[in-house]
All heavy atoms as atom14 arrays in JSON, in Angstrom:
{
  "sequence": "CVFGHTSGEQGHQKMLSHLNATPILNIGLRLGEGTGAALAMPVIKA",
  "atom14_mask": [
    [1, 1, 1, 1, 1, 1, 0, 0, 0, 0, 0, 0, 0, 0],
    [1, 1, 1, 1, 1, 1, 1, 0, 0, 0, 0, 0, 0, 0],
    [1, 1, 1, 1, 1, 1, 1, 1, 1, 1, 1, 0, 0, 0],
    [1, 1, 1, 1, 0, 0, 0, 0, 0, 0, 0, 0, 0, 0],
    [1, 1, 1, 1, 1, 1, 1, 1, 1, 1, 0, 0, 0, 0],
    [1, 1, 1, 1, 1, 1, 1, 0, 0, 0, 0, 0, 0, 0],
    [1, 1, 1, 1, 1, 1, 0, 0, 0, 0, 0, 0, 0, 0],
    [1, 1, 1, 1, 0, 0, 0, 0, 0, 0, 0, 0, 0, 0],
    [1, 1, 1, 1, 1, 1, 1, 1, 1, 0, 0, 0, 0, 0],
    [1, 1, 1, 1, 1, 1, 1, 1, 1, 0, 0, 0, 0, 0],
    [1, 1, 1, 1, 0, 0, 0, 0, 0, 0, 0, 0, 0, 0],
    [1, 1, 1, 1, 1, 1, 1, 1, 1, 1, 0, 0, 0, 0],
    [1, 1, 1, 1, 1, 1, 1, 1, 1, 0, 0, 0, 0, 0],
    [1, 1, 1, 1, 1, 1, 1, 1, 1, 0, 0, 0, 0, 0],
    [1, 1, 1, 1, 1, 1, 1, 1, 0, 0, 0, 0, 0, 0],
    [1, 1, 1, 1, 1, 1, 1, 1, 0, 0, 0, 0, 0, 0],
    [1, 1, 1, 1, 1, 1, 0, 0, 0, 0, 0, 0, 0, 0],
    [1, 1, 1, 1, 1, 1, 1, 1, 1, 1, 0, 0, 0, 0],
    [1, 1, 1, 1, 1, 1, 1, 1, 0, 0, 0, 0, 0, 0],
    [1, 1, 1, 1, 1, 1, 1, 1, 0, 0, 0, 0, 0, 0],
    [1, 1, 1, 1, 1, 0, 0, 0, 0, 0, 0, 0, 0, 0],
    [1, 1, 1, 1, 1, 1, 1, 0, 0, 0, 0, 0, 0, 0],
    [1, 1, 1, 1, 1, 1, 1, 0, 0, 0, 0, 0, 0, 0],
    [1, 1, 1, 1, 1, 1, 1, 1, 0, 0, 0, 0, 0, 0],
    [1, 1, 1, 1, 1, 1, 1, 1, 0, 0, 0, 0, 0, 0],
    [1, 1, 1, 1, 1, 1, 1, 1, 0, 0, 0, 0, 0, 0],
    [1, 1, 1, 1, 1, 1, 1, 1, 0, 0, 0, 0, 0, 0],
    [1, 1, 1, 1, 0, 0, 0, 0, 0, 0, 0, 0, 0, 0],
    [1, 1, 1, 1, 1, 1, 1, 1, 0, 0, 0, 0, 0, 0],
    [1, 1, 1, 1, 1, 1, 1, 1, 1, 1, 1, 0, 0, 0],
    [1, 1, 1, 1, 1, 1, 1, 1, 0, 0, 0, 0, 0, 0],
    [1, 1, 1, 1, 0, 0, 0, 0, 0, 0, 0, 0, 0, 0],
    [1, 1, 1, 1, 1, 1, 1, 1, 1, 0, 0, 0, 0, 0],
    [1, 1, 1, 1, 0, 0, 0, 0, 0, 0, 0, 0, 0, 0],
    [1, 1, 1, 1, 1, 1, 1, 0, 0, 0, 0, 0, 0, 0],
    [1, 1, 1, 1, 0, 0, 0, 0, 0, 0, 0, 0, 0, 0],
    [1, 1, 1, 1, 1, 0, 0, 0, 0, 0, 0, 0, 0, 0],
    [1, 1, 1, 1, 1, 0, 0, 0, 0, 0, 0, 0, 0, 0],
    [1, 1, 1, 1, 1, 1, 1, 1, 0, 0, 0, 0, 0, 0],
    [1, 1, 1, 1, 1, 0, 0, 0, 0, 0, 0, 0, 0, 0],
    [1, 1, 1, 1, 1, 1, 1, 1, 0, 0, 0, 0, 0, 0],
    [1, 1, 1, 1, 1, 1, 1, 0, 0, 0, 0, 0, 0, 0],
    [1, 1, 1, 1, 1, 1, 1, 0, 0, 0, 0, 0, 0, 0],
    [1, 1, 1, 1, 1, 1, 1, 1, 0, 0, 0, 0, 0, 0],
    [1, 1, 1, 1, 1, 1, 1, 1, 1, 0, 0, 0, 0, 0],
    [1, 1, 1, 1, 1, 0, 0, 0, 0, 0, 0, 0, 0, 0]
  ],
  "atom14_positions": [
    [[10.42, -62.52, -59.28], [11.75, -62.28, -58.73], [11.8, -62.51, -57.22], [10.96, -61.98, -56.48], [12.19, -60.85, -59.03], [12.5, -60.54, -60.78], [0.0, 0.0, 0.0], [0.0, 0.0, 0.0], [0.0, 0.0, 0.0], [0.0, 0.0, 0.0], [0.0, 0.0, 0.0], [0.0, 0.0, 0.0], [0.0, 0.0, 0.0], [0.0, 0.0, 0.0]],
    [[12.78, -63.28, -56.8], [13.14, -63.4, -55.39], [14.55, -62.8, -55.26], [15.44, -63.14, -56.04], [13.16, -64.87, -54.94], [13.54, -64.97, -53.46], [11.79, -65.53, -55.19], [0.0, 0.0, 0.0], [0.0, 0.0, 0.0], [0.0, 0.0, 0.0], [0.0, 0.0, 0.0], [0.0, 0.0, 0.0], [0.0, 0.0, 0.0], [0.0, 0.0, 0.0]],
    [[14.74, -61.92, -54.31], [16.0, -61.18, -54.22], [16.96, -61.92, -53.28], [16.67, -62.13, -52.11], [15.74, -59.75, -53.76], [15.02, -58.94, -54.81], [13.64, -59.04, -54.96], [15.73, -58.12, -55.68], [12.97, -58.33, -55.96], [15.06, -57.4, -56.67], [13.69, -57.51, -56.81], [0.0, 0.0, 0.0], [0.0, 0.0, 0.0], [0.0, 0.0, 0.0]],
    [[18.1, -62.3, -53.85], [19.04, -63.16, -53.15], [19.76, -62.5, -51.99], [19.91, -63.09, -50.93], [0.0, 0.0, 0.0], [0.0, 0.0, 0.0], [0.0, 0.0, 0.0], [0.0, 0.0, 0.0], [0.0, 0.0, 0.0], [0.0, 0.0, 0.0], [0.0, 0.0, 0.0], [0.0, 0.0, 0.0], [0.0, 0.0, 0.0], [0.0, 0.0, 0.0]],
    [[20.22, -61.26, -52.21], [21.03, -60.63, -51.16], [21.1, -59.13, -51.35], [20.73, -58.59, -52.4], [22.44, -61.23, -51.17], [23.34, -60.7, -52.25], [24.51, -60.02, -52.0], [23.25, -60.76, -53.6], [25.11, -59.69, -53.13], [24.36, -60.13, -54.13], [0.0, 0.0, 0.0], [0.0, 0.0, 0.0], [0.0, 0.0, 0.0], [0.0, 0.0, 0.0]],
    [[21.59, -58.46, -50.3], [21.92, -57.04, -50.36], [23.42, -56.91, -50.59], [24.22, -57.4, -49.79], [21.56, -56.34, -49.05], [20.17, -56.49, -48.79], [21.88, -54.86, -49.13], [0.0, 0.0, 0.0], [0.0, 0.0, 0.0], [0.0, 0.0, 0.0], [0.0, 0.0, 0.0], [0.0, 0.0, 0.0], [0.0, 0.0, 0.0], [0.0, 0.0, 0.0]],
    [[23.81, -56.26, -51.67], [25.22, -56.09, -51.98], [25.87, -55.07, -51.06], [25.21, -54.19, -50.49], [25.35, -55.62, -53.44], [26.67, -55.19, -53.72], [0.0, 0.0, 0.0], [0.0, 0.0, 0.0], [0.0, 0.0, 0.0], [0.0, 0.0, 0.0], [0.0, 0.0, 0.0], [0.0, 0.0, 0.0], [0.0, 0.0, 0.0], [0.0, 0.0, 0.0]],
    [[27.2, -55.19, -50.94], [27.96, -54.18, -50.22], [28.09, -52.88, -50.98], [28.57, -51.88, -50.43], [0.0, 0.0, 0.0], [0.0, 0.0, 0.0], [0.0, 0.0, 0.0], [0.0, 0.0, 0.0], [0.0, 0.0, 0.0], [0.0, 0.0, 0.0], [0.0, 0.0, 0.0], [0.0, 0.0, 0.0], [0.0, 0.0, 0.0], [0.0, 0.0, 0.0]],
    [[27.69, -52.85, -52.26], [27.67, -51.6, -53.04], [26.54, -50.7, -52.54], [25.39, -51.14, -52.46], [27.47, -51.91, -54.52], [28.71, -52.41, -55.24], [29.72, -51.31, -55.5], [29.34, -50.25, -56.02], [30.9, -51.52, -55.17], [0.0, 0.0, 0.0], [0.0, 0.0, 0.0], [0.0, 0.0, 0.0], [0.0, 0.0, 0.0], [0.0, 0.0, 0.0]],
    [[26.85, -49.45, -52.22], [25.84, -48.56, -51.63], [24.62, -48.4, -52.52], [23.49, -48.31, -52.04], [26.45, -47.19, -51.34], [26.91, -46.4, -52.57], [26.68, -44.9, -52.43], [25.92, -44.45, -51.57], [27.32, -44.11, -53.29], [0.0, 0.0, 0.0], [0.0, 0.0, 0.0], [0.0, 0.0, 0.0], [0.0, 0.0, 0.0], [0.0, 0.0, 0.0]],
    [[24.83, -48.4, -53.84], [23.71, -48.2, -54.74], [22.7, -49.33, -54.72], [21.5, -49.11, -54.96], [0.0, 0.0, 0.0], [0.0, 0.0, 0.0], [0.0, 0.0, 0.0], [0.0, 0.0, 0.0], [0.0, 0.0, 0.0], [0.0, 0.0, 0.0], [0.0, 0.0, 0.0], [0.0, 0.0, 0.0], [0.0, 0.0, 0.0], [0.0, 0.0, 0.0]],
    [[23.14, -50.53, -54.4], [22.23, -51.68, -54.44], [21.13, -51.54, -53.4], [19.97, -51.88, -53.66], [22.99, -52.98, -54.23], [22.18, -54.19, -54.54], [22.14, -55.3, -53.73], [21.36, -54.47, -55.59], [21.33, -56.2, -54.25], [20.85, -55.73, -55.38], [0.0, 0.0, 0.0], [0.0, 0.0, 0.0], [0.0, 0.0, 0.0], [0.0, 0.0, 0.0]],
    [[21.47, -51.04, -52.24], [20.46, -50.88, -51.2], [19.37, -49.9, -51.64], [18.18, -50.1, -51.34], [21.14, -50.44, -49.91], [22.12, -51.47, -49.38], [23.04, -50.93, -48.31], [22.63, -50.12, -47.49], [24.29, -51.36, -48.33], [0.0, 0.0, 0.0], [0.0, 0.0, 0.0], [0.0, 0.0, 0.0], [0.0, 0.0, 0.0], [0.0, 0.0, 0.0]],
    [[19.76, -48.87, -52.36], [18.77, -47.91, -52.87], [17.91, -48.54, -53.95], [16.71, -48.26, -54.06], [19.48, -46.65, -53.39], [20.25, -45.87, -52.33], [20.91, -44.64, -52.93], [21.65, -43.83, -51.88], [22.86, -44.51, -51.39], [0.0, 0.0, 0.0], [0.0, 0.0, 0.0], [0.0, 0.0, 0.0], [0.0, 0.0, 0.0], [0.0, 0.0, 0.0]],
    [[18.51, -49.37, -54.8], [17.74, -50.09, -55.82], [16.68, -50.98, -55.16], [15.52, -51.0, -55.58], [18.66, -50.99, -56.66], [19.6, -50.29, -57.61], [20.65, -51.57, -58.39], [21.5, -50.61, -59.63], [0.0, 0.0, 0.0], [0.0, 0.0, 0.0], [0.0, 0.0, 0.0], [0.0, 0.0, 0.0], [0.0, 0.0, 0.0], [0.0, 0.0, 0.0]],
    [[17.09, -51.73, -54.14], [16.17, -52.64, -53.46], [15.02, -51.87, -52.82], [13.86, -52.3, -52.86], [16.92, -53.45, -52.4], [17.96, -54.44, -52.94], [18.79, -55.01, -51.8], [17.29, -55.57, -53.72], [0.0, 0.0, 0.0], [0.0, 0.0, 0.0], [0.0, 0.0, 0.0], [0.0, 0.0, 0.0], [0.0, 0.0, 0.0], [0.0, 0.0, 0.0]],
    [[15.35, -50.73, -52.24], [14.3, -49.89, -51.63], [13.32, -49.41, -52.69], [12.1, -49.43, -52.49], [14.95, -48.7, -50.92], [13.97, -47.84, -50.38], [0.0, 0.0, 0.0], [0.0, 0.0, 0.0], [0.0, 0.0, 0.0], [0.0, 0.0, 0.0], [0.0, 0.0, 0.0], [0.0, 0.0, 0.0], [0.0, 0.0, 0.0], [0.0, 0.0, 0.0]],
    [[13.84, -48.99, -53.85], [12.98, -48.54, -54.95], [12.04, -49.65, -55.41], [10.88, -49.4, -55.75], [13.85, -48.08, -56.12], [13.09, -47.74, -57.36], [12.4, -46.56, -57.52], [12.89, -48.46, -58.51], [11.81, -46.55, -58.71], [12.1, -47.69, -59.32], [0.0, 0.0, 0.0], [0.0, 0.0, 0.0], [0.0, 0.0, 0.0], [0.0, 0.0, 0.0]],
    [[12.53, -50.89, -55.4], [11.75, -52.02, -55.87], [10.91, -52.67, -54.76], [10.24, -53.68, -55.0], [12.68, -53.08, -56.48], [13.42, -52.65, -57.75], [14.51, -53.66, -58.1], [12.46, -52.45, -58.92], [0.0, 0.0, 0.0], [0.0, 0.0, 0.0], [0.0, 0.0, 0.0], [0.0, 0.0, 0.0], [0.0, 0.0, 0.0], [0.0, 0.0, 0.0]],
    [[10.96, -52.09, -53.56], [10.25, -52.64, -52.4], [10.63, -54.1, -52.17], [9.78, -54.95, -51.86], [8.73, -52.5, -52.56], [8.27, -51.07, -52.58], [8.7, -50.26, -51.77], [7.41, -50.73, -53.54], [0.0, 0.0, 0.0], [0.0, 0.0, 0.0], [0.0, 0.0, 0.0], [0.0, 0.0, 0.0], [0.0, 0.0, 0.0], [0.0, 0.0, 0.0]],
    [[11.91, -54.39, -52.34], [12.4, -55.77, -52.26], [13.01, -56.07, -50.89], [13.71, -55.23, -50.32], [13.44, -56.01, -53.35], [0.0, 0.0, 0.0], [0.0, 0.0, 0.0], [0.0, 0.0, 0.0], [0.0, 0.0, 0.0], [0.0, 0.0, 0.0], [0.0, 0.0, 0.0], [0.0, 0.0, 0.0], [0.0, 0.0, 0.0], [0.0, 0.0, 0.0]],
    [[12.74, -57.27, -50.41], [13.35, -57.75, -49.17], [14.26, -58.92, -49.52], [13.78, -60.02, -49.83], [12.28, -58.21, -48.16], [11.39, -57.13, -47.89], [12.93, -58.67, -46.86], [0.0, 0.0, 0.0], [0.0, 0.0, 0.0], [0.0, 0.0, 0.0], [0.0, 0.0, 0.0], [0.0, 0.0, 0.0], [0.0, 0.0, 0.0], [0.0, 0.0, 0.0]],
    [[15.58, -58.72, -49.5], [16.49, -59.8, -49.88], [16.63, -60.85, -48.79], [16.37, -60.59, -47.61], [17.81, -59.07, -50.12], [17.73, -57.86, -49.26], [16.28, -57.47, -49.21], [0.0, 0.0, 0.0], [0.0, 0.0, 0.0], [0.0, 0.0, 0.0], [0.0, 0.0, 0.0], [0.0, 0.0, 0.0], [0.0, 0.0, 0.0], [0.0, 0.0, 0.0]],
    [[17.06, -62.05, -49.21], [17.22, -63.16, -48.28], [18.44, -62.97, -47.39], [18.39, -63.16, -46.18], [17.33, -64.48, -49.07], [16.02, -64.76, -49.82], [17.66, -65.64, -48.14], [16.11, -65.91, -50.81], [0.0, 0.0, 0.0], [0.0, 0.0, 0.0], [0.0, 0.0, 0.0], [0.0, 0.0, 0.0], [0.0, 0.0, 0.0], [0.0, 0.0, 0.0]],
    [[19.57, -62.59, -48.0], [20.85, -62.52, -47.29], [21.38, -61.1, -47.23], [21.12, -60.3, -48.13], [21.9, -63.4, -47.99], [21.57, -64.88, -48.17], [22.63, -65.54, -49.04], [21.46, -65.58, -46.83], [0.0, 0.0, 0.0], [0.0, 0.0, 0.0], [0.0, 0.0, 0.0], [0.0, 0.0, 0.0], [0.0, 0.0, 0.0], [0.0, 0.0, 0.0]],
    [[22.15, -60.81, -46.19], [22.89, -59.55, -46.11], [24.21, -59.85, -45.42], [24.34, -59.73, -44.21], [22.09, -58.49, -45.34], [22.76, -57.12, -45.38], [23.86, -56.98, -45.91], [22.11, -56.12, -44.81], [0.0, 0.0, 0.0], [0.0, 0.0, 0.0], [0.0, 0.0, 0.0], [0.0, 0.0, 0.0], [0.0, 0.0, 0.0], [0.0, 0.0, 0.0]],
    [[25.18, -60.3, -46.22], [26.45, -60.76, -45.65], [27.65, -60.05, -46.27], [28.77, -60.57, -46.27], [26.59, -62.29, -45.78], [26.41, -62.76, -47.23], [25.6, -63.0, -44.88], [26.64, -64.25, -47.43], [0.0, 0.0, 0.0], [0.0, 0.0, 0.0], [0.0, 0.0, 0.0], [0.0, 0.0, 0.0], [0.0, 0.0, 0.0], [0.0, 0.0, 0.0]],
    [[27.4, -58.86, -46.82], [28.51, -58.02, -47.28], [29.12, -58.41, -48.62], [30.22, -57.96, -48.94], [0.0, 0.0, 0.0], [0.0, 0.0, 0.0], [0.0, 0.0, 0.0], [0.0, 0.0, 0.0], [0.0, 0.0, 0.0], [0.0, 0.0, 0.0], [0.0, 0.0, 0.0], [0.0, 0.0, 0.0], [0.0, 0.0, 0.0], [0.0, 0.0, 0.0]],
    [[28.43, -59.21, -49.41], [28.97, -59.61, -50.71], [29.0, -58.42, -51.67], [28.08, -57.62, -51.69], [28.1, -60.7, -51.35], [27.98, -62.05, -50.64], [26.98, -62.92, -51.39], [29.32, -62.74, -50.55], [0.0, 0.0, 0.0], [0.0, 0.0, 0.0], [0.0, 0.0, 0.0], [0.0, 0.0, 0.0], [0.0, 0.0, 0.0], [0.0, 0.0, 0.0]],
    [[30.04, -58.34, -52.48], [30.07, -57.4, -53.61], [30.98, -57.94, -54.71], [31.73, -57.21, -55.32], [30.48, -55.98, -53.18], [31.8, -55.85, -52.47], [32.09, -54.37, -52.16], [33.4, -54.2, -51.56], [34.54, -54.1, -52.25], [34.52, -54.16, -53.57], [35.68, -53.95, -51.62], [0.0, 0.0, 0.0], [0.0, 0.0, 0.0], [0.0, 0.0, 0.0]],
    [[30.88, -59.25, -54.93], [31.73, -59.92, -55.9], [31.08, -60.01, -57.27], [31.75, -59.96, -58.3], [32.08, -61.32, -55.4], [32.9, -62.19, -56.35], [34.25, -61.53, -56.66], [33.12, -63.57, -55.75], [0.0, 0.0, 0.0], [0.0, 0.0, 0.0], [0.0, 0.0, 0.0], [0.0, 0.0, 0.0], [0.0, 0.0, 0.0], [0.0, 0.0, 0.0]],
    [[29.75, -60.12, -57.31], [29.1, -60.4, -58.58], [29.19, -61.87, -58.92], [29.19, -62.72, -58.02], [0.0, 0.0, 0.0], [0.0, 0.0, 0.0], [0.0, 0.0, 0.0], [0.0, 0.0, 0.0], [0.0, 0.0, 0.0], [0.0, 0.0, 0.0], [0.0, 0.0, 0.0], [0.0, 0.0, 0.0], [0.0, 0.0, 0.0], [0.0, 0.0, 0.0]],
    [[29.24, -62.19, -60.19], [29.33, -63.56, -60.7], [28.06, -64.37, -60.45], [28.0, -65.54, -60.83], [30.52, -64.32, -60.07], [31.88, -63.7, -60.31], [33.0, -64.49, -59.65], [32.76, -65.62, -59.15], [34.14, -63.98, -59.62], [0.0, 0.0, 0.0], [0.0, 0.0, 0.0], [0.0, 0.0, 0.0], [0.0, 0.0, 0.0], [0.0, 0.0, 0.0]],
    [[27.06, -63.81, -59.78], [25.89, -64.59, -59.39], [26.07, -65.26, -58.05], [25.25, -66.11, -57.66], [0.0, 0.0, 0.0], [0.0, 0.0, 0.0], [0.0, 0.0, 0.0], [0.0, 0.0, 0.0], [0.0, 0.0, 0.0], [0.0, 0.0, 0.0], [0.0, 0.0, 0.0], [0.0, 0.0, 0.0], [0.0, 0.0, 0.0], [0.0, 0.0, 0.0]],
    [[27.1, -64.87, -57.29], [27.39, -65.55, -56.03], [26.28, -65.38, -54.99], [25.97, -66.33, -54.26], [28.72, -65.05, -55.44], [28.74, -63.61, -55.43], [29.91, -65.54, -56.26], [0.0, 0.0, 0.0], [0.0, 0.0, 0.0], [0.0, 0.0, 0.0], [0.0, 0.0, 0.0], [0.0, 0.0, 0.0], [0.0, 0.0, 0.0], [0.0, 0.0, 0.0]],
    [[25.66, -64.21, -54.93], [24.57, -64.02, -53.98], [23.36, -64.87, -54.33], [22.7, -65.44, -53.44], [0.0, 0.0, 0.0], [0.0, 0.0, 0.0], [0.0, 0.0, 0.0], [0.0, 0.0, 0.0], [0.0, 0.0, 0.0], [0.0, 0.0, 0.0], [0.0, 0.0, 0.0], [0.0, 0.0, 0.0], [0.0, 0.0, 0.0], [0.0, 0.0, 0.0]],
    [[23.08, -65.0, -55.62], [21.97, -65.86, -56.06], [22.27, -67.32, -55.74], [21.39, -68.06, -55.27], [21.74, -65.68, -57.56], [0.0, 0.0, 0.0], [0.0, 0.0, 0.0], [0.0, 0.0, 0.0], [0.0, 0.0, 0.0], [0.0, 0.0, 0.0], [0.0, 0.0, 0.0], [0.0, 0.0, 0.0], [0.0, 0.0, 0.0], [0.0, 0.0, 0.0]],
    [[23.5, -67.75, -55.98], [23.86, -69.14, -55.71], [23.78, -69.47, -54.23], [23.34, -70.55, -53.83], [25.27, -69.43, -56.24], [0.0, 0.0, 0.0], [0.0, 0.0, 0.0], [0.0, 0.0, 0.0], [0.0, 0.0, 0.0], [0.0, 0.0, 0.0], [0.0, 0.0, 0.0], [0.0, 0.0, 0.0], [0.0, 0.0, 0.0], [0.0, 0.0, 0.0]],
    [[24.2, -68.52, -53.38], [24.15, -68.74, -51.94], [22.72, -68.79, -51.42], [22.41, -69.5, -50.46], [24.91, -67.63, -51.22], [26.42, -67.83, -51.07], [27.07, -66.54, -50.57], [26.72, -68.97, -50.12], [0.0, 0.0, 0.0], [0.0, 0.0, 0.0], [0.0, 0.0, 0.0], [0.0, 0.0, 0.0], [0.0, 0.0, 0.0], [0.0, 0.0, 0.0]],
    [[21.82, -68.05, -52.06], [20.44, -68.0, -51.6], [19.59, -69.15, -52.15], [18.52, -69.43, -51.62], [19.81, -66.67, -52.0], [0.0, 0.0, 0.0], [0.0, 0.0, 0.0], [0.0, 0.0, 0.0], [0.0, 0.0, 0.0], [0.0, 0.0, 0.0], [0.0, 0.0, 0.0], [0.0, 0.0, 0.0], [0.0, 0.0, 0.0], [0.0, 0.0, 0.0]],
    [[20.08, -69.84, -53.17], [19.28, -70.89, -53.8], [18.85, -71.99, -52.82], [17.71, -72.47, -52.9], [20.02, -71.49, -54.99], [19.17, -72.35, -55.89], [17.99, -71.41, -56.91], [19.06, -70.81, -58.23], [0.0, 0.0, 0.0], [0.0, 0.0, 0.0], [0.0, 0.0, 0.0], [0.0, 0.0, 0.0], [0.0, 0.0, 0.0], [0.0, 0.0, 0.0]],
    [[19.71, -72.43, -51.88], [19.24, -73.44, -50.92], [18.05, -72.99, -50.09], [17.25, -73.83, -49.64], [20.47, -73.68, -50.04], [21.63, -73.3, -50.89], [21.14, -72.15, -51.73], [0.0, 0.0, 0.0], [0.0, 0.0, 0.0], [0.0, 0.0, 0.0], [0.0, 0.0, 0.0], [0.0, 0.0, 0.0], [0.0, 0.0, 0.0], [0.0, 0.0, 0.0]],
    [[17.92, -71.69, -49.87], [16.77, -71.18, -49.12], [15.48, -71.37, -49.94], [14.43, -71.71, -49.39], [16.97, -69.7, -48.74], [15.75, -69.16, -48.0], [18.23, -69.53, -47.91], [0.0, 0.0, 0.0], [0.0, 0.0, 0.0], [0.0, 0.0, 0.0], [0.0, 0.0, 0.0], [0.0, 0.0, 0.0], [0.0, 0.0, 0.0], [0.0, 0.0, 0.0]],
    [[15.58, -71.18, -51.25], [14.43, -71.42, -52.12], [14.05, -72.9, -52.06], [12.86, -73.24, -51.92], [14.75, -71.02, -53.58], [15.29, -69.6, -53.66], [13.52, -71.2, -54.46], [14.34, -68.54, -53.23], [0.0, 0.0, 0.0], [0.0, 0.0, 0.0], [0.0, 0.0, 0.0], [0.0, 0.0, 0.0], [0.0, 0.0, 0.0], [0.0, 0.0, 0.0]],
    [[15.04, -73.76, -52.14], [14.78, -75.21, -52.05], [14.14, -75.56, -50.72], [13.17, -76.34, -50.65], [16.08, -75.99, -52.23], [16.72, -75.89, -53.61], [18.01, -76.72, -53.65], [18.72, -76.63, -54.97], [19.99, -77.41, -54.98], [0.0, 0.0, 0.0], [0.0, 0.0, 0.0], [0.0, 0.0, 0.0], [0.0, 0.0, 0.0], [0.0, 0.0, 0.0]],
    [[14.66, -75.01, -49.63], [14.13, -75.3, -48.3], [12.69, -74.83, -48.16], [11.86, -75.5, -47.52], [15.01, -74.66, -47.23], [0.0, 0.0, 0.0], [0.0, 0.0, 0.0], [0.0, 0.0, 0.0], [0.0, 0.0, 0.0], [0.0, 0.0, 0.0], [0.0, 0.0, 0.0], [0.0, 0.0, 0.0], [0.0, 0.0, 0.0], [0.0, 0.0, 0.0]]
  ]
}
């Protein structure tokens, strides 16, 4: 797992902390749909 982003939902930040995860992006997204993963995918390619 590579973590795409930190959601604007307060609970997500606690989940990431529990999983010792460092996400790529933190831009206030809370839409879902896979949008954070899609935005982070170019970083994986790079």
